[in-house]
Amino acid sequence: MPQYGGPVSPQPPSPTPPKKNRTGLIIGIVAGAALLFIAVLVVIGLIIFFAMRGGAASTDGGENGGGDTAAGPEEQATTLVTDYMDALVAGDSAAAFDLSAKSSSDIEMLPAEAYDAALAAAPVADVSVGAPVMDPAGIDGTVPTTFTVDGEEVSYDFTVSDYDSDESFELDAPRWSVYGPDALAGLGATINGSELPTDSGTRIAMLPGSYEIALGVDGFAPSETDPLVYSDFESDLEWPEATLTDDGLASFRAAVQKAVDTCIDQDTLEAGCGIGELPAETSDGYTLTDGTVKRSLPEDAQRTIDKMSATPSYDEPTYVEGEYIGTIDTTMDCTKGDQKGTCEMFMGGGLGTPSVDMADPDLPVTWS
């Protein structure tokens, strides 16, 4: 049979692939892991190193005015007071409070805005920090300081302490506080625009400066309208008392007049308004006819109402007391046996002293 194509050569055998060197691979993996581990150790070491350096550099006593322990007690004391006074000069009350120890828990803080307004209105300036006087025991010291508040020179001895003996002194909270004015209770009192605590048992933390007092109840105003400048740290602040405004006084007198008119119009033996009840029978034998009583105000009694002064009660200032009005003219029908006529009461009773509850929209009047 014919053959097509050229001769067929036998295929050579396929070459055997070389064996992989697994030993080298394992060595490479181990070496890489070792390098990675070393790198991690280096990073950790650097972190620890810098952390220790940072800790060594931070030698202050922490929050609330801790001093630098690298400095001596006198230097710490001077720095603490200087930084505190710098904050007051800058009008930054928050920074000042942060630089001193916390006040006692029974002292109430005002909002920062109230203190900042006080420092802005009566600035602290001309600060002179004296040489500290440290206690030999090494746990406290005094720093005499002078400065001005709204131009008035004042002095104060700051104290520093290291009661935990960690060589870091802190500035004690200045003893600047006042008792709340209970004579302004219930009147919506504010101090530099913030709510003023009015409980006399509450002490309020203060900073040097000027404080404006206002009342939120219509008809009332502080007895003194000038701001209070707090600079005398040895005595309590003299709070203003509550007084009636012109509109408030007019409302008070109108309420009293309305009550008096109502009582005067009564034709019964009993009239109210502090007027004594008329007896049904007099000591000389006349019988008074109930329902026939006529009462009228003498001119001097009317003048007393028209010009009456009004004094808010100290304990409850919205309860306002007036003046004693005095006697009124009184007549009534009377009989004695067969006699009938009109009797006039000598010293015909008297109107008492009115008090008006100005917190009540109806302005009720009571008498004493």
Protein backbone atom coordinates (compact mmCIF):
# COMPACT_ATOMS: atom_id res chain seq x y z
CA MET A 1 0.00 0.00 0.00
CA PRO A 2 1.32 3.37 -0.83
CA GLN A 3 2.37 5.54 2.08
CA TYR A 4 1.54 9.19 2.13
CA GLY A 5 3.77 11.74 3.84
CA GLY A 6 7.34 11.41 5.15
CA PRO A 7 8.68 8.86 7.52
CA VAL A 8 7.47 9.07 11.09
CA SER A 9 10.18 9.56 13.73
CA PRO A 10 9.66 8.26 17.22
CA GLN A 11 8.89 11.04 19.90
CA PRO A 12 11.63 11.59 22.46
CA PRO A 13 10.59 11.04 26.07
CA SER A 14 9.33 14.18 27.98
CA PRO A 15 11.93 15.61 30.32
CA THR A 16 11.26 15.06 34.04
CA PRO A 17 10.53 18.42 35.84
CA PRO A 18 13.13 19.35 38.43
CA LYS A 19 12.10 18.90 42.10
CA LYS A 20 11.30 22.13 44.07
CA ASN A 21 13.67 23.11 46.88
CA ARG A 22 11.19 23.17 49.84
CA THR A 23 13.98 23.71 52.34
CA GLY A 24 14.78 27.14 50.87
CA LEU A 25 11.11 28.12 50.88
CA ILE A 26 10.72 27.29 54.55
CA ILE A 27 13.88 29.22 55.41
CA GLY A 28 12.55 32.26 53.49
CA ILE A 29 9.19 32.19 55.32
CA VAL A 30 10.86 31.90 58.69
CA ALA A 31 13.24 34.73 57.90
CA GLY A 32 10.38 36.99 56.78
CA ALA A 33 8.37 36.27 59.90
CA ALA A 34 11.39 37.01 62.03
CA LEU A 35 11.90 40.37 60.30
CA LEU A 36 8.22 41.23 60.78
CA PHE A 37 8.42 40.31 64.45
CA ILE A 38 11.51 42.44 64.89
CA ALA A 39 9.77 45.37 63.20
CA VAL A 40 6.79 45.05 65.56
CA LEU A 41 9.12 44.99 68.55
CA VAL A 42 10.84 48.15 67.30
CA VAL A 43 7.53 49.96 66.90
CA ILE A 44 6.37 48.91 70.36
CA GLY A 45 9.70 49.98 71.80
CA LEU A 46 9.42 53.42 70.19
CA ILE A 47 5.89 53.86 71.49
CA ILE A 48 6.96 52.98 75.03
CA PHE A 49 10.01 55.24 74.72
CA PHE A 50 8.04 58.29 73.64
CA ALA A 51 5.29 57.59 76.16
CA MET A 52 7.87 57.49 78.96
CA ARG A 53 9.42 60.70 77.67
CA GLY A 54 6.00 62.34 77.61
CA GLY A 55 5.26 61.13 81.14
CA ALA A 56 8.58 62.41 82.38
CA ALA A 57 7.98 65.79 80.72
CA SER A 58 4.50 66.15 82.30
CA THR A 59 5.35 66.78 85.93
CA ASP A 60 2.39 68.97 86.83
CA GLY A 61 -0.12 67.88 89.42
CA GLY A 62 -3.02 67.35 86.99
CA GLU A 63 -6.28 69.27 86.86
CA ASN A 64 -7.43 72.22 88.96
CA GLY A 65 -4.23 74.16 89.37
CA GLY A 66 -1.56 71.50 89.92
CA GLY A 67 1.92 73.02 89.93
CA ASP A 68 5.03 71.87 88.07
CA THR A 69 6.91 69.54 90.41
CA ALA A 70 10.15 70.42 88.65
CA ALA A 71 9.81 73.88 90.21
CA GLY A 72 10.21 74.67 93.88
CA PRO A 73 7.24 75.45 96.16
CA GLU A 74 7.75 79.24 95.98
CA GLU A 75 7.93 79.21 92.19
CA GLN A 76 4.86 77.00 91.93
CA ALA A 77 2.92 79.29 94.27
CA THR A 78 3.85 82.40 92.30
CA THR A 79 2.98 80.78 88.97
CA LEU A 80 -0.38 79.50 90.20
CA VAL A 81 -1.51 82.91 91.46
CA THR A 82 -0.09 84.74 88.44
CA ASP A 83 -1.92 82.46 86.01
CA TYR A 84 -5.14 82.84 88.00
CA MET A 85 -4.94 86.61 88.03
CA ASP A 86 -4.07 86.65 84.33
CA ALA A 87 -7.33 84.80 83.68
CA LEU A 88 -9.28 87.40 85.67
CA VAL A 89 -7.58 90.26 83.84
CA ALA A 90 -8.50 88.56 80.55
CA GLY A 91 -12.12 88.29 81.72
CA ASP A 92 -12.06 84.50 81.38
CA SER A 93 -13.96 83.17 84.39
CA ALA A 94 -13.92 79.56 83.18
CA ALA A 95 -10.13 79.57 83.00
CA ALA A 96 -9.91 81.12 86.47
CA PHE A 97 -12.11 78.45 88.02
CA ASP A 98 -10.14 75.72 86.22
CA LEU A 99 -6.90 77.03 87.71
CA SER A 100 -8.06 76.74 91.31
CA ALA A 101 -9.32 73.90 93.43
CA LYS A 102 -13.04 73.19 93.32
CA SER A 103 -15.19 75.18 95.70
CA SER A 104 -17.06 73.48 98.50
CA SER A 105 -20.03 71.42 97.30
CA ASP A 106 -22.44 73.66 99.23
CA ILE A 107 -21.43 76.73 97.21
CA GLU A 108 -23.55 77.32 94.12
CA MET A 109 -21.99 78.47 90.86
CA LEU A 110 -23.47 81.04 88.52
CA PRO A 111 -23.26 80.54 84.73
CA ALA A 112 -19.95 81.63 83.21
CA GLU A 113 -21.75 84.42 81.33
CA ALA A 114 -22.63 86.13 84.62
CA TYR A 115 -19.02 86.13 85.81
CA ASP A 116 -17.64 87.21 82.43
CA ALA A 117 -20.09 90.13 82.38
CA ALA A 118 -18.97 91.11 85.89
CA LEU A 119 -15.30 91.09 84.87
CA ALA A 120 -16.05 93.08 81.71
CA ALA A 121 -18.07 95.75 83.55
CA ALA A 122 -15.53 96.21 86.38
CA PRO A 123 -12.20 94.92 85.07
CA VAL A 124 -9.42 93.48 87.19
CA ALA A 125 -6.11 95.25 86.52
CA ASP A 126 -2.81 96.45 88.05
CA VAL A 127 -1.97 93.03 89.51
CA SER A 128 1.01 92.70 91.82
CA VAL A 129 1.85 89.23 93.12
CA GLY A 130 3.99 89.34 96.25
CA ALA A 131 6.61 86.89 97.49
CA PRO A 132 5.07 83.63 98.76
CA VAL A 133 5.34 82.78 102.45
CA MET A 134 5.60 78.99 102.69
CA ASP A 135 4.83 77.00 105.80
CA PRO A 136 7.91 75.24 107.24
CA ALA A 137 6.02 71.95 107.07
CA GLY A 138 5.96 72.33 103.31
CA ILE A 139 2.27 71.61 102.79
CA ASP A 140 0.85 75.12 102.28
CA GLY A 141 1.72 78.74 101.75
CA THR A 142 0.30 82.24 101.34
CA VAL A 143 0.72 84.57 98.38
CA PRO A 144 -0.13 88.25 99.11
CA THR A 145 -1.61 89.94 96.05
CA THR A 146 -2.90 93.40 95.24
CA PHE A 147 -4.97 94.44 92.25
CA THR A 148 -7.71 96.87 91.26
CA VAL A 149 -11.38 96.21 90.55
CA ASP A 150 -12.88 98.97 88.43
CA GLY A 151 -10.02 101.20 89.57
CA GLU A 152 -10.43 100.48 93.29
CA GLU A 153 -7.36 98.88 94.87
CA VAL A 154 -7.96 95.73 96.88
CA SER A 155 -5.75 93.05 98.38
CA TYR A 156 -6.13 89.36 98.96
CA ASP A 157 -3.94 86.60 100.38
CA PHE A 158 -4.18 83.53 98.17
CA THR A 159 -3.28 80.15 99.63
CA VAL A 160 -1.66 77.15 97.97
CA SER A 161 -1.42 73.64 99.35
CA ASP A 162 0.16 70.23 98.84
CA TYR A 163 -1.85 68.17 101.27
CA ASP A 164 -1.26 64.90 99.40
CA SER A 165 2.53 65.47 99.57
CA ASP A 166 3.15 64.80 95.87
CA GLU A 167 5.27 67.97 95.59
CA SER A 168 2.65 69.51 93.29
CA PHE A 169 0.94 72.51 94.86
CA GLU A 170 -2.54 73.66 93.90
CA LEU A 171 -4.28 76.99 94.30
CA ASP A 172 -6.98 76.83 96.94
CA ALA A 173 -10.36 78.20 95.86
CA PRO A 174 -10.57 81.87 96.96
CA ARG A 175 -13.06 82.47 99.76
CA TRP A 176 -15.22 84.63 97.53
CA SER A 177 -18.89 83.87 98.13
CA VAL A 178 -22.05 85.54 99.43
CA TYR A 179 -25.37 84.37 100.84
CA GLY A 180 -28.40 84.56 98.57
CA PRO A 181 -30.93 87.38 99.17
CA ASP A 182 -34.16 85.83 100.45
CA ALA A 183 -35.70 89.34 100.46
CA LEU A 184 -35.92 88.95 96.66
CA ALA A 185 -37.48 85.46 96.70
CA GLY A 186 -40.37 84.91 94.32
CA LEU A 187 -39.59 88.00 92.25
CA GLY A 188 -37.72 86.34 89.38
CA ALA A 189 -34.44 87.94 90.45
CA THR A 190 -31.51 87.83 88.02
CA ILE A 191 -27.85 88.71 88.36
CA ASN A 192 -26.15 89.88 85.18
CA GLY A 193 -28.98 88.26 83.26
CA SER A 194 -28.76 84.83 84.97
CA GLU A 195 -31.04 83.40 87.63
CA LEU A 196 -30.09 84.57 91.11
CA PRO A 197 -30.41 81.99 93.91
CA THR A 198 -32.45 83.69 96.62
CA ASP A 199 -32.30 81.15 99.44
CA SER A 200 -30.53 82.84 102.34
CA GLY A 201 -29.00 79.49 103.28
CA THR A 202 -27.28 79.16 99.91
CA ARG A 203 -23.81 80.55 99.33
CA ILE A 204 -23.02 81.78 95.83
CA ALA A 205 -19.50 81.68 94.39
CA MET A 206 -18.33 85.14 93.32
CA LEU A 207 -15.54 86.72 91.34
CA PRO A 208 -14.45 90.35 91.51
CA GLY A 209 -16.53 92.54 89.24
CA SER A 210 -19.81 94.35 88.75
CA TYR A 211 -23.20 92.66 89.14
CA GLU A 212 -26.53 94.06 87.97
CA ILE A 213 -29.66 92.91 89.78
CA ALA A 214 -33.06 92.87 88.06
CA LEU A 215 -36.52 91.59 88.99
CA GLY A 216 -38.82 89.73 86.62
CA VAL A 217 -42.20 90.32 88.31
CA ASP A 218 -44.17 93.29 87.01
CA GLY A 219 -44.55 96.12 89.48
CA PHE A 220 -41.32 95.44 91.38
CA ALA A 221 -37.81 96.85 91.11
CA PRO A 222 -34.62 96.68 93.20
CA SER A 223 -34.27 99.45 95.77
CA GLU A 224 -30.87 100.25 94.27
CA THR A 225 -30.49 100.41 90.51
CA ASP A 226 -26.70 100.90 90.47
CA PRO A 227 -24.72 97.68 89.87
CA LEU A 228 -23.08 96.02 92.85
CA VAL A 229 -19.27 95.98 92.67
CA TYR A 230 -17.87 92.98 94.50
CA SER A 231 -14.40 93.81 95.81
CA ASP A 232 -14.68 93.69 99.61
CA PHE A 233 -14.01 90.02 100.24
CA GLU A 234 -14.19 90.31 104.02
CA SER A 235 -17.86 91.34 104.20
CA ASP A 236 -21.08 90.09 102.68
CA LEU A 237 -22.63 91.79 99.68
CA GLU A 238 -25.38 94.30 100.48
CA TRP A 239 -28.22 93.12 98.29
CA PRO A 240 -30.92 95.60 97.30
CA GLU A 241 -34.40 95.20 98.71
CA ALA A 242 -37.59 94.93 96.68
CA THR A 243 -39.66 98.05 96.09
CA LEU A 244 -42.73 98.83 94.02
CA THR A 245 -42.37 100.70 90.77
CA ASP A 246 -44.65 103.69 90.13
CA ASP A 247 -47.00 101.39 88.23
CA GLY A 248 -46.82 98.82 90.99
CA LEU A 249 -47.63 101.40 93.66
CA ALA A 250 -50.56 102.70 91.60
CA SER A 251 -51.91 99.13 91.32
CA PHE A 252 -51.47 98.64 95.07
CA ARG A 253 -53.37 101.82 95.96
CA ALA A 254 -56.12 101.02 93.46
CA ALA A 255 -56.59 97.57 95.02
CA VAL A 256 -56.81 99.11 98.51
CA GLN A 257 -59.28 101.77 97.34
CA LYS A 258 -61.49 99.15 95.69
CA ALA A 259 -61.55 97.06 98.87
CA VAL A 260 -62.31 100.11 101.04
CA ASP A 261 -65.15 101.21 98.77
CA THR A 262 -66.67 97.74 98.98
CA CYS A 263 -66.52 97.76 102.77
CA ILE A 264 -67.83 101.32 103.10
CA ASP A 265 -70.83 100.42 100.94
CA GLN A 266 -71.90 97.68 103.36
CA ASP A 267 -75.03 98.68 105.31
CA THR A 268 -74.73 95.84 107.79
CA LEU A 269 -73.37 95.96 111.33
CA GLU A 270 -70.40 93.94 110.13
CA ALA A 271 -68.47 95.52 107.26
CA GLY A 272 -64.98 93.98 107.01
CA CYS A 273 -61.76 95.81 106.12
CA GLY A 274 -60.70 95.71 109.73
CA ILE A 275 -63.71 97.78 110.78
CA GLY A 276 -64.97 96.54 114.11
CA GLU A 277 -68.43 94.95 114.04
CA LEU A 278 -71.08 97.24 115.48
CA PRO A 279 -72.97 95.87 118.49
CA ALA A 280 -76.66 95.09 118.12
CA GLU A 281 -77.26 97.10 121.32
CA THR A 282 -75.17 99.89 122.75
CA SER A 283 -74.06 100.18 126.33
CA ASP A 284 -76.59 102.99 126.92
CA GLY A 285 -79.52 100.88 125.73
CA TYR A 286 -79.95 101.79 122.05
CA THR A 287 -80.72 99.02 119.59
CA LEU A 288 -78.99 99.43 116.23
CA THR A 289 -80.97 98.47 113.15
CA ASP A 290 -78.99 96.14 110.89
CA GLY A 291 -79.22 97.08 107.20
CA THR A 292 -79.41 100.83 107.89
CA VAL A 293 -75.71 101.55 108.51
CA LYS A 294 -74.12 104.35 106.50
CA ARG A 295 -70.35 104.72 106.47
CA SER A 296 -68.14 107.36 104.87
CA LEU A 297 -64.45 108.23 104.69
CA PRO A 298 -63.19 111.40 106.33
CA GLU A 299 -60.86 113.49 104.19
CA ASP A 300 -57.77 112.54 106.15
CA ALA A 301 -58.54 108.81 105.72
CA GLN A 302 -58.97 109.29 101.95
CA ARG A 303 -55.73 111.26 101.85
CA THR A 304 -53.96 108.36 103.56
CA ILE A 305 -55.12 105.96 100.84
CA ASP A 306 -54.17 108.37 98.05
CA LYS A 307 -50.64 108.80 99.36
CA MET A 308 -50.19 105.41 100.97
CA SER A 309 -46.69 103.96 100.95
CA ALA A 310 -46.22 100.24 100.43
CA THR A 311 -43.56 97.96 101.87
CA PRO A 312 -42.87 94.45 100.55
CA SER A 313 -42.65 91.86 103.30
CA TYR A 314 -39.09 90.70 103.98
CA ASP A 315 -40.00 87.02 104.12
CA GLU A 316 -42.51 87.16 101.26
CA PRO A 317 -41.81 90.26 99.17
CA THR A 318 -44.82 89.84 96.88
CA TYR A 319 -47.00 90.36 99.97
CA VAL A 320 -47.01 94.15 100.28
CA GLU A 321 -48.19 96.01 103.38
CA GLY A 322 -49.66 99.50 103.47
CA GLU A 323 -50.45 101.94 106.29
CA TYR A 324 -53.16 102.13 108.94
CA ILE A 325 -56.02 104.17 107.44
CA GLY A 326 -57.90 105.26 110.56
CA THR A 327 -61.42 105.99 111.70
CA ILE A 328 -64.51 106.46 109.53
CA ASP A 329 -67.85 108.22 109.98
CA THR A 330 -70.73 105.88 110.82
CA THR A 331 -74.50 106.42 111.32
CA MET A 332 -77.44 104.01 111.52
CA ASP A 333 -81.13 103.85 112.53
CA CYS A 334 -81.63 103.06 116.18
CA THR A 335 -84.37 102.67 118.76
CA LYS A 336 -84.66 102.93 122.51
CA GLY A 337 -88.02 102.06 123.91
CA ASP A 338 -90.53 104.20 121.99
CA GLN A 339 -87.80 106.45 120.64
CA LYS A 340 -86.67 106.07 117.03
CA GLY A 341 -84.02 108.04 115.22
CA THR A 342 -80.56 108.11 113.76
CA CYS A 343 -77.57 107.30 115.89
CA GLU A 344 -74.02 108.37 115.16
CA MET A 345 -71.20 106.18 116.33
CA PHE A 346 -68.51 108.15 118.08
CA MET A 347 -65.19 107.05 116.64
CA GLY A 348 -67.30 104.99 114.30
CA GLY A 349 -64.87 102.18 113.77
CA GLY A 350 -61.60 102.24 111.92
CA LEU A 351 -60.13 100.77 108.78
CA GLY A 352 -57.14 98.59 109.54
CA THR A 353 -53.80 98.15 107.74
CA PRO A 354 -54.14 96.68 104.24
CA SER A 355 -51.82 94.13 102.64
CA VAL A 356 -52.01 93.19 98.95
CA ASP A 357 -50.82 89.94 97.39
CA MET A 358 -49.15 91.39 94.30
CA ALA A 359 -48.36 87.93 92.94
CA ASP A 360 -52.08 87.24 92.51
CA PRO A 361 -53.57 88.83 89.36
CA ASP A 362 -56.74 89.62 91.35
CA LEU A 363 -54.70 91.63 93.89
CA PRO A 364 -56.62 90.40 96.94
CA VAL A 365 -56.49 92.62 100.04
CA THR A 366 -56.25 91.40 103.61
CA TRP A 367 -56.44 93.52 106.76
CA SER A 368 -54.71 93.62 110.09
